[in-house]
Amino acid sequence: MINVSTNTFGARVIGVLSGKGGVGKTTTATNIGCALAYNYREDVIIIDANTTSAGLGVHLGKYSYKISLNDVLKGRAYVSQALYAHPSGARFIPATTHINNINVDPSGLKKLVKELR
């Protein structure tokens, strides 16, 4: 399911969601985000909200990173520290792939998205 919402500033949030794994959520989000950034020069931030089996960083060619979404949700880092640049012009926030860091409360994600808007 793709969900789109717009706030008063014109910022849009596009959620690519499914309860089932392996249906192409990460691939779809990556392709939409990079296309909007590269072809339409939109300011795009792609967030990997899959805090237990992340794949966005790998999809975008970033195989290791010091700070992830998990660190931000745990209060150990600022969201600006977890932003990484992609050659398409998109920025992204990867979730961790480290087993020691997957236990997070995702309820802070809504607040994080509001901050980014």
C-alpha atoms as a PDB file:
ATOM      1  CA  MET A   1       0.000   0.000   0.000  1.00  0.00           C
ATOM      2  CA  ILE A   2       1.271   3.490  -0.778  1.00  0.00           C
ATOM      3  CA  ASN A   3      -0.031   6.270   1.445  1.00  0.00           C
ATOM      4  CA  VAL A   4       0.487   9.970   0.624  1.00  0.00           C
ATOM      5  CA  SER A   5      -0.218  12.891   2.945  1.00  0.00           C
ATOM      6  CA  THR A   6       0.520  16.626   2.594  1.00  0.00           C
ATOM      7  CA  ASN A   7       0.974  19.199   5.348  1.00  0.00           C
ATOM      8  CA  THR A   8       0.539  22.981   5.261  1.00  0.00           C
ATOM      9  CA  PHE A   9       4.128  23.488   4.083  1.00  0.00           C
ATOM     10  CA  GLY A  10       3.616  21.393   0.962  1.00  0.00           C
ATOM     11  CA  ALA A  11       5.831  18.582   2.260  1.00  0.00           C
ATOM     12  CA  ARG A  12       4.556  15.136   1.356  1.00  0.00           C
ATOM     13  CA  VAL A  13       5.066  11.881   3.161  1.00  0.00           C
ATOM     14  CA  ILE A  14       4.797   8.775   1.024  1.00  0.00           C
ATOM     15  CA  GLY A  15       4.592   5.543   2.990  1.00  0.00           C
ATOM     16  CA  VAL A  16       5.264   2.224   1.297  1.00  0.00           C
ATOM     17  CA  LEU A  17       3.703  -0.356   3.613  1.00  0.00           C
ATOM     18  CA  SER A  18       2.867  -4.022   3.756  1.00  0.00           C
ATOM     19  CA  GLY A  19       2.509  -6.545   6.544  1.00  0.00           C
ATOM     20  CA  LYS A  20       4.171  -9.179   4.394  1.00  0.00           C
ATOM     21  CA  GLY A  21       7.884  -9.323   3.765  1.00  0.00           C
ATOM     22  CA  GLY A  22       9.519  -9.712   0.375  1.00  0.00           C
ATOM     23  CA  VAL A  23       6.947  -7.755  -1.635  1.00  0.00           C
ATOM     24  CA  GLY A  24       9.273  -4.965  -2.819  1.00  0.00           C
ATOM     25  CA  LYS A  25       8.707  -2.207  -0.243  1.00  0.00           C
ATOM     26  CA  THR A  26      12.378  -1.196  -0.063  1.00  0.00           C
ATOM     27  CA  THR A  27      12.849  -1.408  -3.823  1.00  0.00           C
ATOM     28  CA  THR A  28       9.710   0.661  -4.452  1.00  0.00           C
ATOM     29  CA  ALA A  29      10.637   3.332  -1.882  1.00  0.00           C
ATOM     30  CA  THR A  30      14.191   3.516  -3.229  1.00  0.00           C
ATOM     31  CA  ASN A  31      13.088   3.878  -6.844  1.00  0.00           C
ATOM     32  CA  ILE A  32      10.395   6.482  -6.103  1.00  0.00           C
ATOM     33  CA  GLY A  33      12.720   8.504  -3.874  1.00  0.00           C
ATOM     34  CA  CYS A  34      15.691   8.486  -6.245  1.00  0.00           C
ATOM     35  CA  ALA A  35      13.486   9.258  -9.259  1.00  0.00           C
ATOM     36  CA  LEU A  36      11.896  12.251  -7.517  1.00  0.00           C
ATOM     37  CA  ALA A  37      15.297  13.557  -6.444  1.00  0.00           C
ATOM     38  CA  TYR A  38      17.155  12.978  -9.716  1.00  0.00           C
ATOM     39  CA  ASN A  39      14.509  13.594 -12.387  1.00  0.00           C
ATOM     40  CA  TYR A  40      12.388  16.240 -10.661  1.00  0.00           C
ATOM     41  CA  ARG A  41      14.960  17.825  -8.326  1.00  0.00           C
ATOM     42  CA  GLU A  42      12.682  17.270  -5.338  1.00  0.00           C
ATOM     43  CA  ASP A  43      14.101  17.407  -1.809  1.00  0.00           C
ATOM     44  CA  VAL A  44      13.741  13.761  -0.775  1.00  0.00           C
ATOM     45  CA  ILE A  45      14.548  11.879   2.407  1.00  0.00           C
ATOM     46  CA  ILE A  46      14.034   8.109   2.310  1.00  0.00           C
ATOM     47  CA  ILE A  47      13.666   6.451   5.726  1.00  0.00           C
ATOM     48  CA  ASP A  48      14.142   2.737   6.330  1.00  0.00           C
ATOM     49  CA  ALA A  49      11.609   2.112   9.094  1.00  0.00           C
ATOM     50  CA  ASN A  50      12.338  -1.624   9.136  1.00  0.00           C
ATOM     51  CA  THR A  51      14.339  -1.563  12.360  1.00  0.00           C
ATOM     52  CA  THR A  52      14.844  -5.333  12.550  1.00  0.00           C
ATOM     53  CA  SER A  53      15.872  -6.357   9.023  1.00  0.00           C
ATOM     54  CA  ALA A  54      16.973  -3.216   7.221  1.00  0.00           C
ATOM     55  CA  GLY A  55      17.895  -3.134   3.542  1.00  0.00           C
ATOM     56  CA  LEU A  56      17.741   0.488   2.360  1.00  0.00           C
ATOM     57  CA  GLY A  57      21.430   1.217   2.960  1.00  0.00           C
ATOM     58  CA  VAL A  58      22.425  -1.780   0.848  1.00  0.00           C
ATOM     59  CA  HIS A  59      19.968  -0.784  -1.910  1.00  0.00           C
ATOM     60  CA  LEU A  60      21.595   2.660  -2.044  1.00  0.00           C
ATOM     61  CA  GLY A  61      25.188   1.393  -1.974  1.00  0.00           C
ATOM     62  CA  LYS A  62      25.993   2.300   1.650  1.00  0.00           C
ATOM     63  CA  TYR A  63      27.020  -0.929   3.337  1.00  0.00           C
ATOM     64  CA  SER A  64      28.217   0.503   6.635  1.00  0.00           C
ATOM     65  CA  TYR A  65      27.413   3.644   8.583  1.00  0.00           C
ATOM     66  CA  LYS A  66      28.132   4.881  12.082  1.00  0.00           C
ATOM     67  CA  ILE A  67      24.671   6.220  12.932  1.00  0.00           C
ATOM     68  CA  SER A  68      21.301   4.746  11.971  1.00  0.00           C
ATOM     69  CA  LEU A  69      17.599   5.325  12.553  1.00  0.00           C
ATOM     70  CA  ASN A  70      17.857   2.956  15.500  1.00  0.00           C
ATOM     71  CA  ASP A  71      20.368   5.286  17.192  1.00  0.00           C
ATOM     72  CA  VAL A  72      18.036   8.251  16.680  1.00  0.00           C
ATOM     73  CA  LEU A  73      15.015   6.369  18.060  1.00  0.00           C
ATOM     74  CA  LYS A  74      17.059   5.319  21.101  1.00  0.00           C
ATOM     75  CA  GLY A  75      18.024   8.959  21.731  1.00  0.00           C
ATOM     76  CA  ARG A  76      21.744   8.338  21.123  1.00  0.00           C
ATOM     77  CA  ALA A  77      22.004  10.606  18.067  1.00  0.00           C
ATOM     78  CA  TYR A  78      20.311  13.495  16.292  1.00  0.00           C
ATOM     79  CA  VAL A  79      18.382  12.876  13.089  1.00  0.00           C
ATOM     80  CA  SER A  80      20.818  15.122  11.175  1.00  0.00           C
ATOM     81  CA  GLN A  81      23.632  12.724  12.115  1.00  0.00           C
ATOM     82  CA  ALA A  82      21.789   9.780  10.547  1.00  0.00           C
ATOM     83  CA  LEU A  83      21.239  11.453   7.142  1.00  0.00           C
ATOM     84  CA  TYR A  84      23.385  10.184   4.273  1.00  0.00           C
ATOM     85  CA  ALA A  85      23.599  11.487   0.698  1.00  0.00           C
ATOM     86  CA  HIS A  86      23.008   9.456  -2.446  1.00  0.00           C
ATOM     87  CA  PRO A  87      24.327  10.451  -5.912  1.00  0.00           C
ATOM     88  CA  SER A  88      20.724  10.826  -7.146  1.00  0.00           C
ATOM     89  CA  GLY A  89      20.327  13.812  -4.846  1.00  0.00           C
ATOM     90  CA  ALA A  90      18.151  11.956  -2.371  1.00  0.00           C
ATOM     91  CA  ARG A  91      19.126  11.712   1.265  1.00  0.00           C
ATOM     92  CA  PHE A  92      18.370   8.662   3.332  1.00  0.00           C
ATOM     93  CA  ILE A  93      18.233   7.409   6.897  1.00  0.00           C
ATOM     94  CA  PRO A  94      19.127   3.720   7.097  1.00  0.00           C
ATOM     95  CA  ALA A  95      18.037   1.421   9.897  1.00  0.00           C
ATOM     96  CA  THR A  96      20.698  -0.768  11.431  1.00  0.00           C
ATOM     97  CA  THR A  97      21.723  -4.211  10.312  1.00  0.00           C
ATOM     98  CA  HIS A  98      23.602  -4.929  13.557  1.00  0.00           C
ATOM     99  CA  ILE A  99      21.922  -7.521  15.785  1.00  0.00           C
ATOM    100  CA  ASN A 100      22.950  -5.666  18.970  1.00  0.00           C
ATOM    101  CA  ASN A 101      21.013  -2.545  17.980  1.00  0.00           C
ATOM    102  CA  ILE A 102      17.661  -3.810  16.683  1.00  0.00           C
ATOM    103  CA  ASN A 103      15.656  -3.499  19.905  1.00  0.00           C
ATOM    104  CA  VAL A 104      13.985  -0.084  19.532  1.00  0.00           C
ATOM    105  CA  ASP A 105      10.581   1.437  20.152  1.00  0.00           C
ATOM    106  CA  PRO A 106       9.251   2.587  16.753  1.00  0.00           C
ATOM    107  CA  SER A 107       6.724   4.971  18.324  1.00  0.00           C
ATOM    108  CA  GLY A 108       9.248   7.836  17.982  1.00  0.00           C
ATOM    109  CA  LEU A 109       9.117   7.545  14.186  1.00  0.00           C
ATOM    110  CA  LYS A 110       6.052   9.790  13.901  1.00  0.00           C
ATOM    111  CA  LYS A 111       7.830  12.581  15.790  1.00  0.00           C
ATOM    112  CA  LEU A 112      10.945  12.127  13.642  1.00  0.00           C
ATOM    113  CA  VAL A 113       8.941  12.491  10.428  1.00  0.00           C
ATOM    114  CA  LYS A 114       7.284  15.646  11.781  1.00  0.00           C
ATOM    115  CA  GLU A 115      10.732  17.095  12.539  1.00  0.00           C
ATOM    116  CA  LEU A 116      11.921  16.387   9.018  1.00  0.00           C
ATOM    117  CA  ARG A 117       8.879  18.077   7.444  1.00  0.00           C
END
